[in-house]
Amino acid sequence: MSLTRKITEGTVALSSSNLIMTFINFLTTIILIRVLNVYDFGLLMLTLAGFLIASIFLDLGIASVIITDVSREIGAKRVDRAKSLLVRYAQAEVIMGFGLFTIAFLSSFFIVNIYNEVIANLVRVGSFFLIFTGAKNVFIVVFNSHLKFKYFSFMQIVESISKLVFVVVLIVIMSGGVLEAMAIYPLSIFICIVFSLPFFLKTTKYLKGVKRARESLFFKTVKGHGKWVVGSVSLKNLTGNITPWIVEYFLGVNSVAIFSVATKLSNFFDSLIKSLEVTLMPITSKEIFKWERTKFMLNRSIKYALWISVPSFIFLWIAAPVLIEILFTKSYLASVGIFRILLLILIVYSFGLIFRPLFYALKAQKYLLYAYVSGLILLVALEVLLIQFIGLVGVAIALVLNALMITILRYYFVKRLKPDFRIEIKGFFKIDEFDKKMFRKIKNRF
């Protein structure tokens, strides 16, 4: 399969599913925001952020390493080594998922004495989120390492549809509250696992008669370049979920709701960019030995990401007040200014999306760790400082500066590793024959 076709198929599959998925998730969020009061929605977002931080410990980011290594082993026809990595990863996820579930569930009986029964029940329900997420991680690794982007996309869509159905049934029809809203998340993950099981079995069928390699490949991977992933991915996820807790500490639960509306709206429109990074992860690992080809691919990825993000930024900046009032009611108009600032991250991310796949392919994840450590320190410092003077606007500015600094640092580290790599900015402003060919392929796929 040609490089162009690999990128096209992966991007189209993930972009199409992300369009569907983010639209459905966005619709789900709109319903939740309009049905729940501001305080309950803020409480829901806080609880989810807490469990997303806890989910870091499911695999500590090793999934990305396993995806690239399994993809590499399959490409080299070393199927026994690929099976060994997959089996060990699945075993680790089962153990960690059950362990975290047990800890979270039992901790709820102590939480009830500190807070109240509502918070304790939220924790009990959320504990199932951890064990189901562990199982889902195994499916994600299998599909992406085998370049089965269609199956991965299907799984995402099923989860999103399930979430919407549960919202309509439990929240709208049955008039449920914040507890039922929390239950939607683990339930939807469970449904997506059940529906994706046939594709999982189909993808791994060829491994049935293969004997696993006797080497302890999984532990070697973790001990080797995986140890840097443990730090970098954990810090990345912590950075992405710590903000609601800082906002709650200084401004209260209602401000968490206002801020969450802005971030939810922003996330809805950056799904296409994120799908390109997921596509690049296994492909970059396979193509890294053909360096000139890899440089070309990465620059094209930035180019197409910018072609999406810049027009989106202009349109959304202008339409922000109308969008928020129509979708979320006037109660959330305070989110407009925050949303406009957060839109800058979309453009920054267009440049930064190539670095994580590249560091993984080069087995240089330690540089990601350096960038995320610096980013987390800067983010917390700026948020704590600015939130006291300009409130939620300061938090949004801190997030943009954090994204910008991490991108600049990662580019600096890439230049140290590969001095001949550079971002071809001039090429972003013209359409060449490769672009025309890509457009035709995308049109045909759709």
Protein backbone atom coordinates (compact mmCIF):
# COMPACT_ATOMS: atom_id res chain seq x y z
CA MET A 1 0.00 0.00 0.00
CA SER A 2 1.43 3.43 -0.96
CA LEU A 3 2.21 6.10 1.61
CA THR A 4 -0.43 8.38 0.12
CA ARG A 5 -3.07 5.68 0.40
CA LYS A 6 -2.10 4.84 3.99
CA ILE A 7 -2.41 8.46 5.07
CA THR A 8 -5.59 8.96 3.07
CA GLU A 9 -7.39 5.86 4.33
CA GLY A 10 -6.38 6.42 7.93
CA THR A 11 -7.22 10.11 7.90
CA VAL A 12 -10.54 9.66 6.09
CA ALA A 13 -11.62 6.80 8.37
CA LEU A 14 -10.67 8.61 11.57
CA SER A 15 -11.80 12.03 10.35
CA SER A 16 -15.17 10.67 9.26
CA SER A 17 -15.69 8.84 12.53
CA ASN A 18 -14.49 11.84 14.51
CA LEU A 19 -16.94 14.08 12.69
CA ILE A 20 -19.76 11.70 13.57
CA MET A 21 -18.45 10.99 17.06
CA THR A 22 -17.81 14.60 18.04
CA PHE A 23 -21.17 15.69 16.65
CA ILE A 24 -22.97 13.02 18.68
CA ASN A 25 -20.87 13.74 21.79
CA PHE A 26 -21.51 17.43 21.35
CA LEU A 27 -25.24 16.82 21.08
CA THR A 28 -25.00 14.69 24.23
CA THR A 29 -23.19 17.51 26.02
CA ILE A 30 -25.78 20.05 24.91
CA ILE A 31 -28.59 17.92 26.33
CA LEU A 32 -26.73 17.44 29.63
CA ILE A 33 -26.00 21.15 29.96
CA ARG A 34 -29.58 22.16 29.20
CA VAL A 35 -31.14 19.56 31.52
CA LEU A 36 -28.72 19.69 34.47
CA ASN A 37 -28.36 22.88 36.46
CA VAL A 38 -25.03 24.75 36.38
CA TYR A 39 -23.84 23.29 39.70
CA ASP A 40 -24.64 19.67 38.77
CA PHE A 41 -22.93 20.01 35.39
CA GLY A 42 -19.85 21.44 37.08
CA LEU A 43 -19.88 18.58 39.59
CA LEU A 44 -20.13 16.05 36.76
CA MET A 45 -17.16 17.61 34.94
CA LEU A 46 -15.10 17.61 38.15
CA THR A 47 -15.83 13.94 38.79
CA LEU A 48 -14.98 12.98 35.22
CA ALA A 49 -11.73 14.92 35.41
CA GLY A 50 -10.86 13.02 38.59
CA PHE A 51 -11.46 9.63 36.99
CA LEU A 52 -9.57 10.63 33.84
CA ILE A 53 -6.60 11.41 36.07
CA ALA A 54 -7.05 8.03 37.79
CA SER A 55 -7.19 6.28 34.40
CA ILE A 56 -3.62 7.42 33.79
CA PHE A 57 -2.56 4.54 36.03
CA LEU A 58 -4.27 1.93 33.84
CA ASP A 59 -1.29 1.70 31.51
CA LEU A 60 0.70 4.88 32.23
CA GLY A 61 0.76 5.64 28.52
CA ILE A 62 2.40 2.37 27.48
CA ALA A 63 -0.36 1.83 24.90
CA SER A 64 1.27 4.20 22.43
CA VAL A 65 4.58 2.36 22.72
CA ILE A 66 2.90 -1.02 22.26
CA ILE A 67 1.08 0.25 19.17
CA THR A 68 4.29 1.40 17.50
CA ASP A 69 6.28 -1.70 18.52
CA VAL A 70 3.58 -4.18 17.49
CA SER A 71 3.21 -2.34 14.19
CA ARG A 72 6.97 -2.56 13.72
CA GLU A 73 7.05 -6.31 14.53
CA ILE A 74 4.17 -7.04 12.14
CA GLY A 75 5.93 -5.08 9.40
CA ALA A 76 9.06 -7.17 10.00
CA LYS A 77 7.00 -10.44 9.89
CA ARG A 78 7.86 -11.23 13.52
CA VAL A 79 4.32 -12.22 14.46
CA ASP A 80 5.36 -14.18 17.55
CA ARG A 81 6.89 -11.06 19.05
CA ALA A 82 3.79 -9.02 18.18
CA LYS A 83 1.58 -11.58 19.94
CA SER A 84 3.80 -11.55 23.02
CA LEU A 85 3.51 -7.78 23.34
CA LEU A 86 -0.27 -7.80 22.86
CA VAL A 87 -0.94 -10.60 25.35
CA ARG A 88 1.24 -9.07 28.06
CA TYR A 89 -0.37 -5.68 27.57
CA ALA A 90 -3.87 -7.19 27.83
CA GLN A 91 -2.90 -8.99 31.05
CA ALA A 92 -1.53 -5.78 32.53
CA GLU A 93 -4.71 -3.89 31.66
CA VAL A 94 -6.94 -6.52 33.31
CA ILE A 95 -4.88 -6.42 36.51
CA MET A 96 -4.67 -2.62 36.68
CA GLY A 97 -8.31 -2.14 35.72
CA PHE A 98 -9.57 -4.45 38.44
CA GLY A 99 -7.15 -2.98 40.97
CA LEU A 100 -8.15 0.62 40.32
CA PHE A 101 -11.83 -0.31 40.30
CA THR A 102 -11.45 -1.93 43.73
CA ILE A 103 -9.58 1.05 45.19
CA ALA A 104 -12.09 3.58 43.83
CA PHE A 105 -15.15 1.61 44.90
CA LEU A 106 -13.90 0.97 48.43
CA SER A 107 -12.75 4.58 48.85
CA SER A 108 -16.35 5.75 48.36
CA PHE A 109 -17.23 4.42 51.83
CA PHE A 110 -14.69 6.83 53.33
CA ILE A 111 -15.67 9.70 51.05
CA VAL A 112 -19.25 9.63 52.35
CA ASN A 113 -17.94 10.64 55.78
CA ILE A 114 -15.90 13.52 54.36
CA TYR A 115 -18.37 14.94 51.82
CA ASN A 116 -21.86 13.49 51.30
CA GLU A 117 -23.74 10.53 49.87
CA VAL A 118 -24.06 12.12 46.40
CA ILE A 119 -20.28 12.43 45.98
CA ALA A 120 -19.78 8.88 47.30
CA ASN A 121 -22.30 7.49 44.82
CA LEU A 122 -20.62 9.35 41.98
CA VAL A 123 -17.33 7.69 42.91
CA ARG A 124 -18.97 4.23 43.08
CA VAL A 125 -20.50 4.62 39.65
CA GLY A 126 -17.30 6.11 38.26
CA SER A 127 -15.24 3.17 39.46
CA PHE A 128 -16.78 1.06 36.67
CA PHE A 129 -15.41 3.63 34.22
CA LEU A 130 -11.89 2.49 35.15
CA ILE A 131 -12.34 -1.24 34.62
CA PHE A 132 -14.18 -0.79 31.31
CA THR A 133 -11.62 1.73 30.07
CA GLY A 134 -8.87 -0.82 30.71
CA ALA A 135 -10.66 -3.31 28.46
CA LYS A 136 -11.25 -0.66 25.80
CA ASN A 137 -7.54 0.20 25.79
CA VAL A 138 -6.74 -3.35 24.68
CA PHE A 139 -9.11 -3.02 21.72
CA ILE A 140 -7.59 0.35 20.78
CA VAL A 141 -4.06 -1.08 20.80
CA VAL A 142 -5.04 -4.06 18.65
CA PHE A 143 -6.92 -2.00 16.05
CA ASN A 144 -4.36 0.80 15.71
CA SER A 145 -1.30 -1.46 15.70
CA HIS A 146 -2.86 -3.43 12.82
CA LEU A 147 -3.86 -0.21 11.03
CA LYS A 148 -7.53 -1.20 11.35
CA PHE A 149 -8.67 2.39 11.58
CA LYS A 150 -12.18 1.49 10.40
CA TYR A 151 -12.70 -0.79 13.39
CA PHE A 152 -11.29 1.80 15.76
CA SER A 153 -13.63 4.37 14.23
CA PHE A 154 -16.59 2.02 14.57
CA MET A 155 -15.83 1.52 18.26
CA GLN A 156 -15.72 5.27 18.85
CA ILE A 157 -19.00 5.83 17.03
CA VAL A 158 -20.78 3.05 18.96
CA GLU A 159 -19.60 4.55 22.25
CA SER A 160 -20.85 7.98 21.23
CA ILE A 161 -24.25 6.71 20.05
CA SER A 162 -24.65 4.68 23.25
CA LYS A 163 -23.88 7.74 25.30
CA LEU A 164 -26.54 9.76 23.48
CA VAL A 165 -29.14 6.99 23.86
CA PHE A 166 -28.47 6.70 27.59
CA VAL A 167 -28.72 10.48 27.99
CA VAL A 168 -32.10 10.53 26.28
CA VAL A 169 -33.40 7.56 28.28
CA LEU A 170 -31.90 8.21 31.71
CA ILE A 171 -31.78 12.02 31.79
CA VAL A 172 -34.54 13.28 29.49
CA ILE A 173 -37.21 10.55 29.67
CA MET A 174 -36.57 9.29 33.22
CA SER A 175 -35.64 12.77 34.56
CA GLY A 176 -32.38 11.54 36.03
CA GLY A 177 -29.83 13.74 37.79
CA VAL A 178 -26.07 13.97 38.12
CA LEU A 179 -25.73 10.35 39.30
CA GLU A 180 -27.48 8.98 36.22
CA ALA A 181 -25.39 11.34 34.08
CA MET A 182 -22.23 9.83 35.53
CA ALA A 183 -23.48 6.30 34.86
CA ILE A 184 -23.72 7.09 31.16
CA TYR A 185 -19.94 7.04 30.72
CA PRO A 186 -19.09 3.52 31.94
CA LEU A 187 -22.26 2.11 30.36
CA SER A 188 -21.40 3.50 26.92
CA ILE A 189 -17.86 2.09 27.11
CA PHE A 190 -19.27 -1.34 28.00
CA ILE A 191 -21.62 -1.26 25.00
CA CYS A 192 -18.83 -0.28 22.59
CA ILE A 193 -16.71 -3.19 23.84
CA VAL A 194 -19.54 -5.66 23.24
CA PHE A 195 -20.25 -4.42 19.70
CA SER A 196 -16.55 -4.25 18.77
CA LEU A 197 -15.76 -7.77 19.99
CA PRO A 198 -16.37 -9.48 16.59
CA PHE A 199 -13.90 -7.10 14.90
CA PHE A 200 -11.39 -7.67 17.68
CA LEU A 201 -11.62 -11.43 17.19
CA LYS A 202 -11.37 -11.04 13.42
CA THR A 203 -8.25 -8.88 13.69
CA THR A 204 -6.46 -11.22 16.08
CA LYS A 205 -7.61 -14.48 14.44
CA TYR A 206 -4.29 -14.96 12.64
CA LEU A 207 -2.51 -15.04 16.02
CA LYS A 208 -4.45 -18.06 17.27
CA GLY A 209 -1.94 -20.69 16.18
CA VAL A 210 1.13 -18.54 16.74
CA LYS A 211 3.37 -19.28 19.70
CA ARG A 212 4.41 -16.28 21.71
CA ALA A 213 8.06 -15.29 21.70
CA ARG A 214 9.79 -16.45 24.86
CA GLU A 215 11.55 -13.15 25.39
CA SER A 216 10.09 -10.76 27.96
CA LEU A 217 9.43 -8.20 25.26
CA PHE A 218 6.76 -6.31 27.15
CA PHE A 219 8.95 -5.65 30.15
CA LYS A 220 11.91 -4.82 27.92
CA THR A 221 9.74 -2.30 26.12
CA VAL A 222 8.59 -0.73 29.37
CA LYS A 223 12.11 -0.75 30.80
CA GLY A 224 13.58 0.66 27.59
CA HIS A 225 11.89 3.51 25.78
CA GLY A 226 8.63 2.84 27.65
CA LYS A 227 9.90 4.37 30.87
CA TRP A 228 9.92 7.77 29.23
CA VAL A 229 6.37 7.25 28.01
CA VAL A 230 5.21 6.52 31.55
CA GLY A 231 6.31 9.99 32.55
CA SER A 232 5.39 11.92 29.41
CA VAL A 233 1.90 10.50 28.85
CA SER A 234 1.05 10.65 32.55
CA LEU A 235 2.07 14.30 32.71
CA LYS A 236 0.22 15.05 29.46
CA ASN A 237 -3.00 13.55 30.81
CA LEU A 238 -2.53 15.23 34.18
CA THR A 239 -2.02 18.57 32.43
CA GLY A 240 -5.23 18.04 30.47
CA ASN A 241 -7.37 17.27 33.53
CA ILE A 242 -5.94 19.30 36.41
CA THR A 243 -7.44 22.62 35.29
CA PRO A 244 -11.05 21.94 36.45
CA TRP A 245 -9.74 21.25 39.95
CA ILE A 246 -7.73 24.49 40.01
CA VAL A 247 -10.81 26.38 38.80
CA GLU A 248 -12.98 24.75 41.47
CA TYR A 249 -10.48 25.60 44.23
CA PHE A 250 -10.33 29.31 43.38
CA LEU A 251 -13.72 30.02 41.76
CA GLY A 252 -16.14 27.21 42.69
CA VAL A 253 -18.12 24.49 40.94
CA ASN A 254 -20.24 26.90 38.86
CA SER A 255 -17.10 28.32 37.25
CA VAL A 256 -16.07 24.77 36.36
CA ALA A 257 -19.32 24.52 34.38
CA ILE A 258 -18.67 27.82 32.57
CA PHE A 259 -15.13 26.77 31.72
CA SER A 260 -16.20 23.26 30.66
CA VAL A 261 -18.68 24.66 28.14
CA ALA A 262 -15.86 26.61 26.47
CA THR A 263 -13.55 23.58 26.39
CA LYS A 264 -16.29 21.22 25.16
CA LEU A 265 -17.10 23.60 22.31
CA SER A 266 -13.42 23.98 21.46
CA ASN A 267 -12.82 20.21 21.52
CA PHE A 268 -15.75 19.67 19.18
CA PHE A 269 -14.00 21.61 16.43
CA ASP A 270 -10.48 20.19 16.73
CA SER A 271 -11.38 16.53 16.16
CA LEU A 272 -10.12 16.49 12.57
CA ILE A 273 -6.68 17.67 13.65
CA LYS A 274 -6.45 15.07 16.41
CA SER A 275 -7.42 12.25 14.06
CA LEU A 276 -4.41 13.03 11.89
CA GLU A 277 -2.03 12.53 14.83
CA VAL A 278 -3.57 9.12 15.60
CA THR A 279 -3.06 8.13 11.95
CA LEU A 280 0.57 9.25 12.02
CA MET A 281 1.51 7.17 15.09
CA PRO A 282 1.89 3.72 13.45
CA ILE A 283 2.67 5.04 9.95
CA THR A 284 5.59 7.19 11.13
CA SER A 285 7.10 4.19 12.92
CA LYS A 286 6.96 2.14 9.73
CA GLU A 287 8.34 4.88 7.50
CA ILE A 288 10.98 6.32 9.83
CA PHE A 289 13.84 4.46 8.08
CA LYS A 290 12.94 6.32 4.89
CA TRP A 291 13.76 9.71 6.35
CA GLU A 292 13.18 11.91 3.31
CA ARG A 293 9.78 10.35 2.82
CA THR A 294 8.96 10.82 6.50
CA LYS A 295 9.91 14.52 6.42
CA PHE A 296 7.65 15.01 3.42
CA MET A 297 4.76 13.22 5.16
CA LEU A 298 5.10 15.25 8.36
CA ASN A 299 5.20 18.58 6.56
CA ARG A 300 2.13 17.64 4.57
CA SER A 301 0.35 16.77 7.79
CA ILE A 302 1.02 20.24 9.20
CA LYS A 303 -0.07 21.82 5.94
CA TYR A 304 -3.44 20.07 5.83
CA ALA A 305 -4.03 20.65 9.52
CA LEU A 306 -3.52 24.40 9.01
CA TRP A 307 -5.86 24.40 6.03
CA ILE A 308 -8.54 23.13 8.37
CA SER A 309 -7.70 25.09 11.53
CA VAL A 310 -7.19 28.64 10.20
CA PRO A 311 -10.59 29.01 8.43
CA SER A 312 -12.23 27.28 11.40
CA PHE A 313 -10.63 29.75 13.80
CA ILE A 314 -11.89 32.80 11.86
CA PHE A 315 -15.43 31.47 11.53
CA LEU A 316 -15.74 30.33 15.14
CA TRP A 317 -14.30 33.56 16.55
CA ILE A 318 -17.08 35.51 14.80
CA ALA A 319 -19.86 33.02 15.50
CA ALA A 320 -18.97 32.27 19.14
CA PRO A 321 -21.68 34.39 20.90
CA VAL A 322 -24.47 33.10 18.69
CA LEU A 323 -23.31 29.48 18.96
CA ILE A 324 -23.10 29.50 22.73
CA GLU A 325 -26.43 31.28 23.26
CA ILE A 326 -28.29 28.99 20.87
CA LEU A 327 -26.69 25.77 22.05
CA PHE A 328 -26.29 26.33 25.77
CA THR A 329 -28.66 29.21 26.63
CA LYS A 330 -27.76 32.66 27.98
CA SER A 331 -26.62 31.13 31.27
CA TYR A 332 -23.30 30.30 29.60
CA LEU A 333 -22.56 33.51 27.67
CA ALA A 334 -19.63 34.03 30.04
CA SER A 335 -17.95 31.18 28.12
CA VAL A 336 -17.64 33.24 24.91
CA GLY A 337 -14.41 35.06 25.76
CA ILE A 338 -12.81 31.88 27.12
CA PHE A 339 -13.78 29.92 24.01
CA ARG A 340 -12.28 32.55 21.69
CA ILE A 341 -8.95 32.39 23.48
CA LEU A 342 -8.92 28.58 23.47
CA LEU A 343 -9.40 28.60 19.69
CA LEU A 344 -5.75 29.67 19.38
CA ILE A 345 -4.75 26.21 20.60
CA LEU A 346 -6.26 24.77 17.41
CA ILE A 347 -3.66 26.60 15.29
CA VAL A 348 -0.82 25.80 17.69
CA TYR A 349 -1.79 22.13 17.66
CA SER A 350 -1.66 22.07 13.85
CA PHE A 351 2.09 22.55 14.13
CA GLY A 352 2.50 20.27 17.15
CA LEU A 353 0.62 17.18 15.99
CA ILE A 354 3.65 15.65 14.20
CA PHE A 355 6.04 15.58 17.17
CA ARG A 356 4.59 12.81 19.32
CA PRO A 357 4.50 10.28 16.42
CA LEU A 358 8.03 11.33 15.47
CA PHE A 359 9.46 10.96 18.98
CA TYR A 360 7.84 7.54 19.32
CA ALA A 361 9.23 6.42 15.96
CA LEU A 362 12.72 7.61 16.94
CA LYS A 363 12.33 6.02 20.39
CA ALA A 364 13.12 9.39 21.91
CA GLN A 365 10.16 9.72 24.26
CA LYS A 366 12.35 11.23 26.96
CA TYR A 367 12.13 14.53 25.09
CA LEU A 368 8.35 14.41 25.36
CA LEU A 369 8.80 13.99 29.11
CA TYR A 370 11.04 17.04 29.27
CA ALA A 371 8.48 19.10 27.36
CA TYR A 372 5.52 17.95 29.47
CA VAL A 373 7.33 18.52 32.78
CA SER A 374 8.10 22.08 31.70
CA GLY A 375 4.55 22.51 30.42
CA LEU A 376 2.90 21.26 33.60
CA ILE A 377 5.02 23.51 35.80
CA LEU A 378 4.27 26.51 33.58
CA LEU A 379 0.56 25.69 33.35
CA VAL A 380 -0.03 25.34 37.09
CA ALA A 381 2.05 28.44 37.86
CA LEU A 382 0.27 30.57 35.26
CA GLU A 383 -3.20 29.32 36.15
CA VAL A 384 -2.73 29.90 39.87
CA LEU A 385 -1.30 33.36 39.19
CA LEU A 386 -3.65 34.60 36.46
CA ILE A 387 -6.89 33.15 37.86
CA GLN A 388 -6.55 35.44 40.87
CA PHE A 389 -6.36 38.56 38.70
CA ILE A 390 -8.47 37.90 35.59
CA GLY A 391 -10.41 34.76 36.50
CA LEU A 392 -11.30 32.22 33.82
CA VAL A 393 -9.78 34.36 31.07
CA GLY A 394 -6.43 33.92 32.81
CA VAL A 395 -6.91 30.15 32.82
CA ALA A 396 -7.57 30.17 29.07
CA ILE A 397 -4.48 32.30 28.42
CA ALA A 398 -2.40 29.92 30.54
CA LEU A 399 -3.60 26.95 28.44
CA VAL A 400 -2.67 28.67 25.17
CA LEU A 401 0.80 29.65 26.44
CA ASN A 402 1.32 26.11 27.72
CA ALA A 403 0.44 24.60 24.32
CA LEU A 404 2.73 27.07 22.54
CA MET A 405 5.69 26.42 24.83
CA ILE A 406 5.36 22.63 24.56
CA THR A 407 5.26 22.87 20.75
CA ILE A 408 8.36 25.09 20.62
CA LEU A 409 10.25 22.81 22.99
CA ARG A 410 9.39 19.71 21.00
CA TYR A 411 10.52 21.35 17.77
CA TYR A 412 13.81 22.30 19.46
CA PHE A 413 14.34 18.70 20.57
CA VAL A 414 13.57 17.36 17.08
CA LYS A 415 16.18 19.71 15.63
CA ARG A 416 18.71 18.29 18.06
CA LEU A 417 17.89 14.75 16.98
CA LYS A 418 17.47 15.47 13.29
CA PRO A 419 19.22 18.74 12.36
CA ASP A 420 18.06 18.48 8.74
CA PHE A 421 14.38 18.52 9.70
CA ARG A 422 12.53 21.78 9.24
CA ILE A 423 8.97 22.93 8.82
CA GLU A 424 8.49 24.08 5.22
CA ILE A 425 6.23 27.06 5.90
CA LYS A 426 6.39 28.42 2.33
CA GLY A 427 4.85 25.23 0.98
CA PHE A 428 1.74 25.68 3.12
CA PHE A 429 0.49 28.52 0.91
CA LYS A 430 0.35 26.74 -2.44
CA ILE A 431 -1.40 23.73 -3.95
CA ASP A 432 0.82 21.28 -5.83
CA GLU A 433 0.23 18.01 -7.68
CA PHE A 434 0.47 15.91 -4.52
CA ASP A 435 -2.30 17.98 -2.92
CA LYS A 436 -4.52 17.54 -5.95
CA LYS A 437 -3.93 13.79 -5.89
CA MET A 438 -4.75 13.68 -2.16
CA PHE A 439 -7.97 15.63 -2.70
CA ARG A 440 -9.10 13.23 -5.40
CA LYS A 441 -8.44 10.20 -3.19
CA ILE A 442 -10.29 11.75 -0.24
CA LYS A 443 -13.21 12.65 -2.51
CA ASN A 444 -13.37 9.09 -3.83
CA ARG A 445 -13.22 7.61 -0.30
CA PHE A 446 -16.09 9.78 0.89
